[in-house]
Amino acid sequence: MNDLMNWEECENSFVRKVSVDSEKIKSILTAAKLRYEFVKSISSNEKNVSFVFEGYYEIIKELLVALMLKKGLRSKNHQCLFTFF
């Protein structure tokens, strides 16, 4: 089962071309690194594992946003970030 949105739909409805902004990309990568350092320092347990998982999801999302920006693209949809990848 493929739950990802197809790329054509993403391009038509959720992705736009943007100027490559190296400083924005650098800022996003710095934030992702800081978030990673924080999340990996958390000792996960039954009560907080969903928050730890959420932290890793946000890191991946930030990295994909940076990758898309590097290619001159911006997505308004999380599914399209993963379809792009």
PDB file of N, CA and C in Angstrom:
ATOM      1  N   MET A   1       0.851  -1.178   0.000  1.00  0.00           N
ATOM      2  CA  MET A   1       0.000   0.000   0.000  1.00  0.00           C
ATOM      3  C   MET A   1       0.890   1.234   0.000  1.00  0.00           C
ATOM      4  N   ASN A   2       0.639   2.155  -0.904  1.00  0.00           N
ATOM      5  CA  ASN A   2       1.435   3.371  -1.011  1.00  0.00           C
ATOM      6  C   ASN A   2       0.589   4.553  -0.570  1.00  0.00           C
ATOM      7  N   ASP A   3       0.848   5.052   0.628  1.00  0.00           N
ATOM      8  CA  ASP A   3       0.069   6.158   1.176  1.00  0.00           C
ATOM      9  C   ASP A   3       0.664   7.523   0.841  1.00  0.00           C
ATOM     10  N   LEU A   4       1.796   7.521   0.134  1.00  0.00           N
ATOM     11  CA  LEU A   4       2.410   8.802  -0.217  1.00  0.00           C
ATOM     12  C   LEU A   4       1.666   9.449  -1.376  1.00  0.00           C
ATOM     13  N   MET A   5       1.571  10.745  -1.310  1.00  0.00           N
ATOM     14  CA  MET A   5       0.984  11.504  -2.403  1.00  0.00           C
ATOM     15  C   MET A   5       1.944  11.420  -3.593  1.00  0.00           C
ATOM     16  N   ASN A   6       1.419  11.366  -4.802  1.00  0.00           N
ATOM     17  CA  ASN A   6       2.341  11.296  -5.930  1.00  0.00           C
ATOM     18  C   ASN A   6       2.956  12.667  -6.196  1.00  0.00           C
ATOM     19  N   TRP A   7       4.129  12.658  -6.787  1.00  0.00           N
ATOM     20  CA  TRP A   7       4.897  13.889  -6.961  1.00  0.00           C
ATOM     21  C   TRP A   7       4.173  14.885  -7.864  1.00  0.00           C
ATOM     22  N   GLU A   8       3.491  14.407  -8.874  1.00  0.00           N
ATOM     23  CA  GLU A   8       2.766  15.312  -9.775  1.00  0.00           C
ATOM     24  C   GLU A   8       1.710  16.108  -9.003  1.00  0.00           C
ATOM     25  N   GLU A   9       0.981  15.438  -8.133  1.00  0.00           N
ATOM     26  CA  GLU A   9      -0.008  16.122  -7.310  1.00  0.00           C
ATOM     27  C   GLU A   9       0.667  17.139  -6.387  1.00  0.00           C
ATOM     28  N   CYS A  10       1.812  16.751  -5.834  1.00  0.00           N
ATOM     29  CA  CYS A  10       2.565  17.676  -4.977  1.00  0.00           C
ATOM     30  C   CYS A  10       2.968  18.927  -5.746  1.00  0.00           C
ATOM     31  N   GLU A  11       3.556  18.725  -6.924  1.00  0.00           N
ATOM     32  CA  GLU A  11       3.997  19.872  -7.728  1.00  0.00           C
ATOM     33  C   GLU A  11       2.835  20.782  -8.119  1.00  0.00           C
ATOM     34  N   ASN A  12       1.705  20.190  -8.423  1.00  0.00           N
ATOM     35  CA  ASN A  12       0.551  20.972  -8.865  1.00  0.00           C
ATOM     36  C   ASN A  12      -0.132  21.726  -7.729  1.00  0.00           C
ATOM     37  N   SER A  13      -0.098  21.166  -6.513  1.00  0.00           N
ATOM     38  CA  SER A  13      -0.905  21.736  -5.436  1.00  0.00           C
ATOM     39  C   SER A  13      -0.132  22.248  -4.219  1.00  0.00           C
ATOM     40  N   PHE A  14       1.056  21.706  -3.953  1.00  0.00           N
ATOM     41  CA  PHE A  14       1.689  22.009  -2.677  1.00  0.00           C
ATOM     42  C   PHE A  14       3.146  22.478  -2.748  1.00  0.00           C
ATOM     43  N   VAL A  15       3.790  22.325  -3.881  1.00  0.00           N
ATOM     44  CA  VAL A  15       5.208  22.669  -3.998  1.00  0.00           C
ATOM     45  C   VAL A  15       5.352  23.865  -4.930  1.00  0.00           C
ATOM     46  N   ARG A  16       6.209  24.793  -4.523  1.00  0.00           N
ATOM     47  CA  ARG A  16       6.485  25.944  -5.394  1.00  0.00           C
ATOM     48  C   ARG A  16       7.987  26.139  -5.490  1.00  0.00           C
ATOM     49  N   LYS A  17       8.376  26.803  -6.551  1.00  0.00           N
ATOM     50  CA  LYS A  17       9.792  27.126  -6.726  1.00  0.00           C
ATOM     51  C   LYS A  17      10.116  28.375  -5.911  1.00  0.00           C
ATOM     52  N   VAL A  18      11.301  28.359  -5.304  1.00  0.00           N
ATOM     53  CA  VAL A  18      11.777  29.483  -4.501  1.00  0.00           C
ATOM     54  C   VAL A  18      13.248  29.704  -4.813  1.00  0.00           C
ATOM     55  N   SER A  19      13.740  30.854  -4.399  1.00  0.00           N
ATOM     56  CA  SER A  19      15.171  31.118  -4.524  1.00  0.00           C
ATOM     57  C   SER A  19      15.917  30.309  -3.478  1.00  0.00           C
ATOM     58  N   VAL A  20      17.079  29.812  -3.850  1.00  0.00           N
ATOM     59  CA  VAL A  20      17.915  29.093  -2.895  1.00  0.00           C
ATOM     60  C   VAL A  20      18.458  30.108  -1.898  1.00  0.00           C
ATOM     61  N   ASP A  21      18.214  29.860  -0.631  1.00  0.00           N
ATOM     62  CA  ASP A  21      18.641  30.752   0.445  1.00  0.00           C
ATOM     63  C   ASP A  21      19.601  29.989   1.350  1.00  0.00           C
ATOM     64  N   SER A  22      20.895  30.160   1.095  1.00  0.00           N
ATOM     65  CA  SER A  22      21.915  29.408   1.829  1.00  0.00           C
ATOM     66  C   SER A  22      21.880  29.668   3.324  1.00  0.00           C
ATOM     67  N   GLU A  23      21.584  30.893   3.721  1.00  0.00           N
ATOM     68  CA  GLU A  23      21.528  31.211   5.149  1.00  0.00           C
ATOM     69  C   GLU A  23      20.349  30.518   5.823  1.00  0.00           C
ATOM     70  N   LYS A  24      19.217  30.466   5.159  1.00  0.00           N
ATOM     71  CA  LYS A  24      18.039  29.773   5.694  1.00  0.00           C
ATOM     72  C   LYS A  24      18.330  28.279   5.830  1.00  0.00           C
ATOM     73  N   ILE A  25      18.968  27.715   4.821  1.00  0.00           N
ATOM     74  CA  ILE A  25      19.331  26.303   4.852  1.00  0.00           C
ATOM     75  C   ILE A  25      20.266  26.031   6.028  1.00  0.00           C
ATOM     76  N   LYS A  26      21.261  26.878   6.187  1.00  0.00           N
ATOM     77  CA  LYS A  26      22.217  26.728   7.286  1.00  0.00           C
ATOM     78  C   LYS A  26      21.498  26.805   8.633  1.00  0.00           C
ATOM     79  N   SER A  27      20.571  27.739   8.764  1.00  0.00           N
ATOM     80  CA  SER A  27      19.805  27.898   9.998  1.00  0.00           C
ATOM     81  C   SER A  27      18.968  26.660  10.307  1.00  0.00           C
ATOM     82  N   ILE A  28      18.335  26.106   9.299  1.00  0.00           N
ATOM     83  CA  ILE A  28      17.521  24.908   9.479  1.00  0.00           C
ATOM     84  C   ILE A  28      18.394  23.730   9.887  1.00  0.00           C
ATOM     85  N   LEU A  29      19.556  23.593   9.264  1.00  0.00           N
ATOM     86  CA  LEU A  29      20.459  22.497   9.612  1.00  0.00           C
ATOM     87  C   LEU A  29      20.981  22.639  11.041  1.00  0.00           C
ATOM     88  N   THR A  30      21.254  23.865  11.453  1.00  0.00           N
ATOM     89  CA  THR A  30      21.694  24.108  12.824  1.00  0.00           C
ATOM     90  C   THR A  30      20.592  23.724  13.815  1.00  0.00           C
ATOM     91  N   ALA A  31      19.370  24.117  13.509  1.00  0.00           N
ATOM     92  CA  ALA A  31      18.240  23.773  14.379  1.00  0.00           C
ATOM     93  C   ALA A  31      18.047  22.261  14.447  1.00  0.00           C
ATOM     94  N   ALA A  32      18.180  21.582  13.323  1.00  0.00           N
ATOM     95  CA  ALA A  32      18.031  20.125  13.301  1.00  0.00           C
ATOM     96  C   ALA A  32      19.115  19.464  14.146  1.00  0.00           C
ATOM     97  N   LYS A  33      20.329  19.965  14.045  1.00  0.00           N
ATOM     98  CA  LYS A  33      21.422  19.411  14.841  1.00  0.00           C
ATOM     99  C   LYS A  33      21.175  19.620  16.337  1.00  0.00           C
ATOM    100  N   LEU A  34      20.744  20.807  16.711  1.00  0.00           N
ATOM    101  CA  LEU A  34      20.453  21.090  18.119  1.00  0.00           C
ATOM    102  C   LEU A  34      19.305  20.228  18.629  1.00  0.00           C
ATOM    103  N   ARG A  35      18.276  20.074  17.816  1.00  0.00           N
ATOM    104  CA  ARG A  35      17.146  19.233  18.195  1.00  0.00           C
ATOM    105  C   ARG A  35      17.613  17.782  18.379  1.00  0.00           C
ATOM    106  N   TYR A  36      18.479  17.317  17.468  1.00  0.00           N
ATOM    107  CA  TYR A  36      18.996  15.959  17.569  1.00  0.00           C
ATOM    108  C   TYR A  36      19.782  15.770  18.865  1.00  0.00           C
ATOM    109  N   GLU A  37      20.638  16.707  19.183  1.00  0.00           N
ATOM    110  CA  GLU A  37      21.416  16.614  20.421  1.00  0.00           C
ATOM    111  C   GLU A  37      20.491  16.548  21.635  1.00  0.00           C
ATOM    112  N   PHE A  38      19.432  17.338  21.608  1.00  0.00           N
ATOM    113  CA  PHE A  38      18.468  17.319  22.711  1.00  0.00           C
ATOM    114  C   PHE A  38      17.727  15.991  22.787  1.00  0.00           C
ATOM    115  N   VAL A  39      17.193  15.545  21.656  1.00  0.00           N
ATOM    116  CA  VAL A  39      16.375  14.328  21.654  1.00  0.00           C
ATOM    117  C   VAL A  39      17.206  13.110  22.048  1.00  0.00           C
ATOM    118  N   LYS A  40      18.440  13.018  21.554  1.00  0.00           N
ATOM    119  CA  LYS A  40      19.240  11.839  21.895  1.00  0.00           C
ATOM    120  C   LYS A  40      19.663  11.848  23.363  1.00  0.00           C
ATOM    121  N   SER A  41      19.590  13.004  24.025  1.00  0.00           N
ATOM    122  CA  SER A  41      19.952  13.067  25.441  1.00  0.00           C
ATOM    123  C   SER A  41      18.815  12.613  26.356  1.00  0.00           C
ATOM    124  N   ILE A  42      17.629  12.464  25.792  1.00  0.00           N
ATOM    125  CA  ILE A  42      16.465  12.064  26.584  1.00  0.00           C
ATOM    126  C   ILE A  42      16.465  10.543  26.758  1.00  0.00           C
ATOM    127  N   SER A  43      16.290  10.126  27.973  1.00  0.00           N
ATOM    128  CA  SER A  43      16.150   8.701  28.249  1.00  0.00           C
ATOM    129  C   SER A  43      14.673   8.348  28.054  1.00  0.00           C
ATOM    130  N   SER A  44      14.386   7.611  26.988  1.00  0.00           N
ATOM    131  CA  SER A  44      12.983   7.332  26.696  1.00  0.00           C
ATOM    132  C   SER A  44      12.437   6.241  27.606  1.00  0.00           C
ATOM    133  N   ASN A  45      11.172   6.361  27.880  1.00  0.00           N
ATOM    134  CA  ASN A  45      10.464   5.374  28.686  1.00  0.00           C
ATOM    135  C   ASN A  45       9.032   5.278  28.169  1.00  0.00           C
ATOM    136  N   GLU A  46       8.257   4.460  28.788  1.00  0.00           N
ATOM    137  CA  GLU A  46       6.880   4.229  28.343  1.00  0.00           C
ATOM    138  C   GLU A  46       6.046   5.514  28.313  1.00  0.00           C
ATOM    139  N   LYS A  47       6.347   6.434  29.208  1.00  0.00           N
ATOM    140  CA  LYS A  47       5.549   7.660  29.305  1.00  0.00           C
ATOM    141  C   LYS A  47       5.938   8.728  28.280  1.00  0.00           C
ATOM    142  N   ASN A  48       7.190   8.713  27.805  1.00  0.00           N
ATOM    143  CA  ASN A  48       7.614   9.799  26.928  1.00  0.00           C
ATOM    144  C   ASN A  48       8.049   9.351  25.535  1.00  0.00           C
ATOM    145  N   VAL A  49       7.941   8.069  25.232  1.00  0.00           N
ATOM    146  CA  VAL A  49       8.450   7.574  23.962  1.00  0.00           C
ATOM    147  C   VAL A  49       7.790   8.261  22.759  1.00  0.00           C
ATOM    148  N   SER A  50       6.527   8.595  22.857  1.00  0.00           N
ATOM    149  CA  SER A  50       5.875   9.265  21.728  1.00  0.00           C
ATOM    150  C   SER A  50       6.454  10.663  21.506  1.00  0.00           C
ATOM    151  N   PHE A  51       6.885  11.324  22.584  1.00  0.00           N
ATOM    152  CA  PHE A  51       7.504  12.643  22.443  1.00  0.00           C
ATOM    153  C   PHE A  51       8.903  12.531  21.832  1.00  0.00           C
ATOM    154  N   VAL A  52       9.616  11.484  22.203  1.00  0.00           N
ATOM    155  CA  VAL A  52      10.941  11.240  21.614  1.00  0.00           C
ATOM    156  C   VAL A  52      10.780  10.958  20.123  1.00  0.00           C
ATOM    157  N   PHE A  53       9.825  10.107  19.785  1.00  0.00           N
ATOM    158  CA  PHE A  53       9.551   9.805  18.385  1.00  0.00           C
ATOM    159  C   PHE A  53       9.211  11.081  17.616  1.00  0.00           C
ATOM    160  N   GLU A  54       8.372  11.917  18.205  1.00  0.00           N
ATOM    161  CA  GLU A  54       7.982  13.186  17.594  1.00  0.00           C
ATOM    162  C   GLU A  54       9.210  14.061  17.345  1.00  0.00           C
ATOM    163  N   GLY A  55      10.145  14.057  18.283  1.00  0.00           N
ATOM    164  CA  GLY A  55      11.379  14.832  18.118  1.00  0.00           C
ATOM    165  C   GLY A  55      12.174  14.364  16.911  1.00  0.00           C
ATOM    166  N   TYR A  56      12.313  13.045  16.760  1.00  0.00           N
ATOM    167  CA  TYR A  56      13.048  12.517  15.601  1.00  0.00           C
ATOM    168  C   TYR A  56      12.306  12.826  14.296  1.00  0.00           C
ATOM    169  N   TYR A  57      10.992  12.753  14.321  1.00  0.00           N
ATOM    170  CA  TYR A  57      10.200  13.104  13.141  1.00  0.00           C
ATOM    171  C   TYR A  57      10.475  14.554  12.736  1.00  0.00           C
ATOM    172  N   GLU A  58      10.503  15.450  13.704  1.00  0.00           N
ATOM    173  CA  GLU A  58      10.762  16.869  13.416  1.00  0.00           C
ATOM    174  C   GLU A  58      12.157  17.067  12.828  1.00  0.00           C
ATOM    175  N   ILE A  59      13.128  16.318  13.317  1.00  0.00           N
ATOM    176  CA  ILE A  59      14.493  16.399  12.776  1.00  0.00           C
ATOM    177  C   ILE A  59      14.489  15.992  11.308  1.00  0.00           C
ATOM    178  N   ILE A  60      13.858  14.881  11.008  1.00  0.00           N
ATOM    179  CA  ILE A  60      13.791  14.405   9.622  1.00  0.00           C
ATOM    180  C   ILE A  60      13.075  15.429   8.755  1.00  0.00           C
ATOM    181  N   LYS A  61      11.989  15.967   9.255  1.00  0.00           N
ATOM    182  CA  LYS A  61      11.231  16.970   8.502  1.00  0.00           C
ATOM    183  C   LYS A  61      12.095  18.201   8.219  1.00  0.00           C
ATOM    184  N   GLU A  62      12.836  18.676   9.217  1.00  0.00           N
ATOM    185  CA  GLU A  62      13.706  19.837   9.022  1.00  0.00           C
ATOM    186  C   GLU A  62      14.782  19.546   7.974  1.00  0.00           C
ATOM    187  N   LEU A  63      15.360  18.361   8.019  1.00  0.00           N
ATOM    188  CA  LEU A  63      16.380  17.998   7.039  1.00  0.00           C
ATOM    189  C   LEU A  63      15.802  17.948   5.629  1.00  0.00           C
ATOM    190  N   LEU A  64      14.585  17.446   5.496  1.00  0.00           N
ATOM    191  CA  LEU A  64      13.946  17.406   4.177  1.00  0.00           C
ATOM    192  C   LEU A  64      13.588  18.804   3.683  1.00  0.00           C
ATOM    193  N   VAL A  65      13.166  19.683   4.587  1.00  0.00           N
ATOM    194  CA  VAL A  65      12.903  21.077   4.199  1.00  0.00           C
ATOM    195  C   VAL A  65      14.188  21.705   3.674  1.00  0.00           C
ATOM    196  N   ALA A  66      15.297  21.486   4.369  1.00  0.00           N
ATOM    197  CA  ALA A  66      16.581  22.043   3.930  1.00  0.00           C
ATOM    198  C   ALA A  66      16.987  21.484   2.568  1.00  0.00           C
ATOM    199  N   LEU A  67      16.785  20.189   2.366  1.00  0.00           N
ATOM    200  CA  LEU A  67      17.117  19.567   1.090  1.00  0.00           C
ATOM    201  C   LEU A  67      16.282  20.163  -0.042  1.00  0.00           C
ATOM    202  N   MET A  68      14.990  20.308   0.203  1.00  0.00           N
ATOM    203  CA  MET A  68      14.134  20.905  -0.825  1.00  0.00           C
ATOM    204  C   MET A  68      14.549  22.346  -1.122  1.00  0.00           C
ATOM    205  N   LEU A  69      14.843  23.110  -0.076  1.00  0.00           N
ATOM    206  CA  LEU A  69      15.282  24.491  -0.286  1.00  0.00           C
ATOM    207  C   LEU A  69      16.563  24.544  -1.107  1.00  0.00           C
ATOM    208  N   LYS A  70      17.456  23.598  -0.858  1.00  0.00           N
ATOM    209  CA  LYS A  70      18.707  23.547  -1.616  1.00  0.00           C
ATOM    210  C   LYS A  70      18.440  23.317  -3.103  1.00  0.00           C
ATOM    211  N   LYS A  71      17.335  22.634  -3.391  1.00  0.00           N
ATOM    212  CA  LYS A  71      16.933  22.377  -4.782  1.00  0.00           C
ATOM    213  C   LYS A  71      16.010  23.470  -5.326  1.00  0.00           C
ATOM    214  N   GLY A  72      15.776  24.520  -4.517  1.00  0.00           N
ATOM    215  CA  GLY A  72      14.935  25.626  -4.962  1.00  0.00           C
ATOM    216  C   GLY A  72      13.455  25.337  -4.893  1.00  0.00           C
ATOM    217  N   LEU A  73      13.052  24.491  -3.934  1.00  0.00           N
ATOM    218  CA  LEU A  73      11.646  24.116  -3.789  1.00  0.00           C
ATOM    219  C   LEU A  73      11.181  24.314  -2.356  1.00  0.00           C
ATOM    220  N   ARG A  74       9.891  24.540  -2.207  1.00  0.00           N
ATOM    221  CA  ARG A  74       9.278  24.688  -0.883  1.00  0.00           C
ATOM    222  C   ARG A  74       7.938  23.963  -0.918  1.00  0.00           C
ATOM    223  N   SER A  75       7.640  23.190   0.126  1.00  0.00           N
ATOM    224  CA  SER A  75       6.394  22.439   0.182  1.00  0.00           C
ATOM    225  C   SER A  75       5.520  22.941   1.323  1.00  0.00           C
ATOM    226  N   LYS A  76       4.218  23.003   1.070  1.00  0.00           N
ATOM    227  CA  LYS A  76       3.246  23.362   2.104  1.00  0.00           C
ATOM    228  C   LYS A  76       2.651  22.109   2.733  1.00  0.00           C
ATOM    229  N   ASN A  77       3.184  20.941   2.408  1.00  0.00           N
ATOM    230  CA  ASN A  77       2.578  19.678   2.798  1.00  0.00           C
ATOM    231  C   ASN A  77       3.662  18.704   3.248  1.00  0.00           C
ATOM    232  N   HIS A  78       3.512  18.131   4.429  1.00  0.00           N
ATOM    233  CA  HIS A  78       4.503  17.186   4.949  1.00  0.00           C
ATOM    234  C   HIS A  78       4.616  15.946   4.075  1.00  0.00           C
ATOM    235  N   GLN A  79       3.499  15.474   3.555  1.00  0.00           N
ATOM    236  CA  GLN A  79       3.543  14.292   2.702  1.00  0.00           C
ATOM    237  C   GLN A  79       4.433  14.527   1.490  1.00  0.00           C
ATOM    238  N   CYS A  80       4.390  15.739   0.960  1.00  0.00           N
ATOM    239  CA  CYS A  80       5.193  16.037  -0.219  1.00  0.00           C
ATOM    240  C   CYS A  80       6.679  16.089   0.105  1.00  0.00           C
ATOM    241  N   LEU A  81       7.030  16.422   1.336  1.00  0.00           N
ATOM    242  CA  LEU A  81       8.436  16.356   1.744  1.00  0.00           C
ATOM    243  C   LEU A  81       8.952  14.929   1.580  1.00  0.00           C
ATOM    244  N   PHE A  82       8.157  13.960   2.045  1.00  0.00           N
ATOM    245  CA  PHE A  82       8.572  12.574   1.980  1.00  0.00           C
ATOM    246  C   PHE A  82       8.476  12.020   0.558  1.00  0.00           C
ATOM    247  N   THR A  83       7.492  12.470  -0.195  1.00  0.00           N
ATOM    248  CA  THR A  83       7.412  12.061  -1.602  1.00  0.00           C
ATOM    249  C   THR A  83       8.622  12.581  -2.356  1.00  0.00           C
ATOM    250  N   PHE A  84       9.032  13.809  -2.085  1.00  0.00           N
ATOM    251  CA  PHE A  84      10.217  14.378  -2.725  1.00  0.00           C
ATOM    252  C   PHE A  84      11.439  13.522  -2.425  1.00  0.00           C
ATOM    253  N   PHE A  85      11.577  13.113  -1.166  1.00  0.00           N
ATOM    254  CA  PHE A  85      12.735  12.322  -0.748  1.00  0.00           C
ATOM    255  C   PHE A  85      12.735  10.981  -1.454  1.00  0.00           C
TER     256      PHE A  85
END
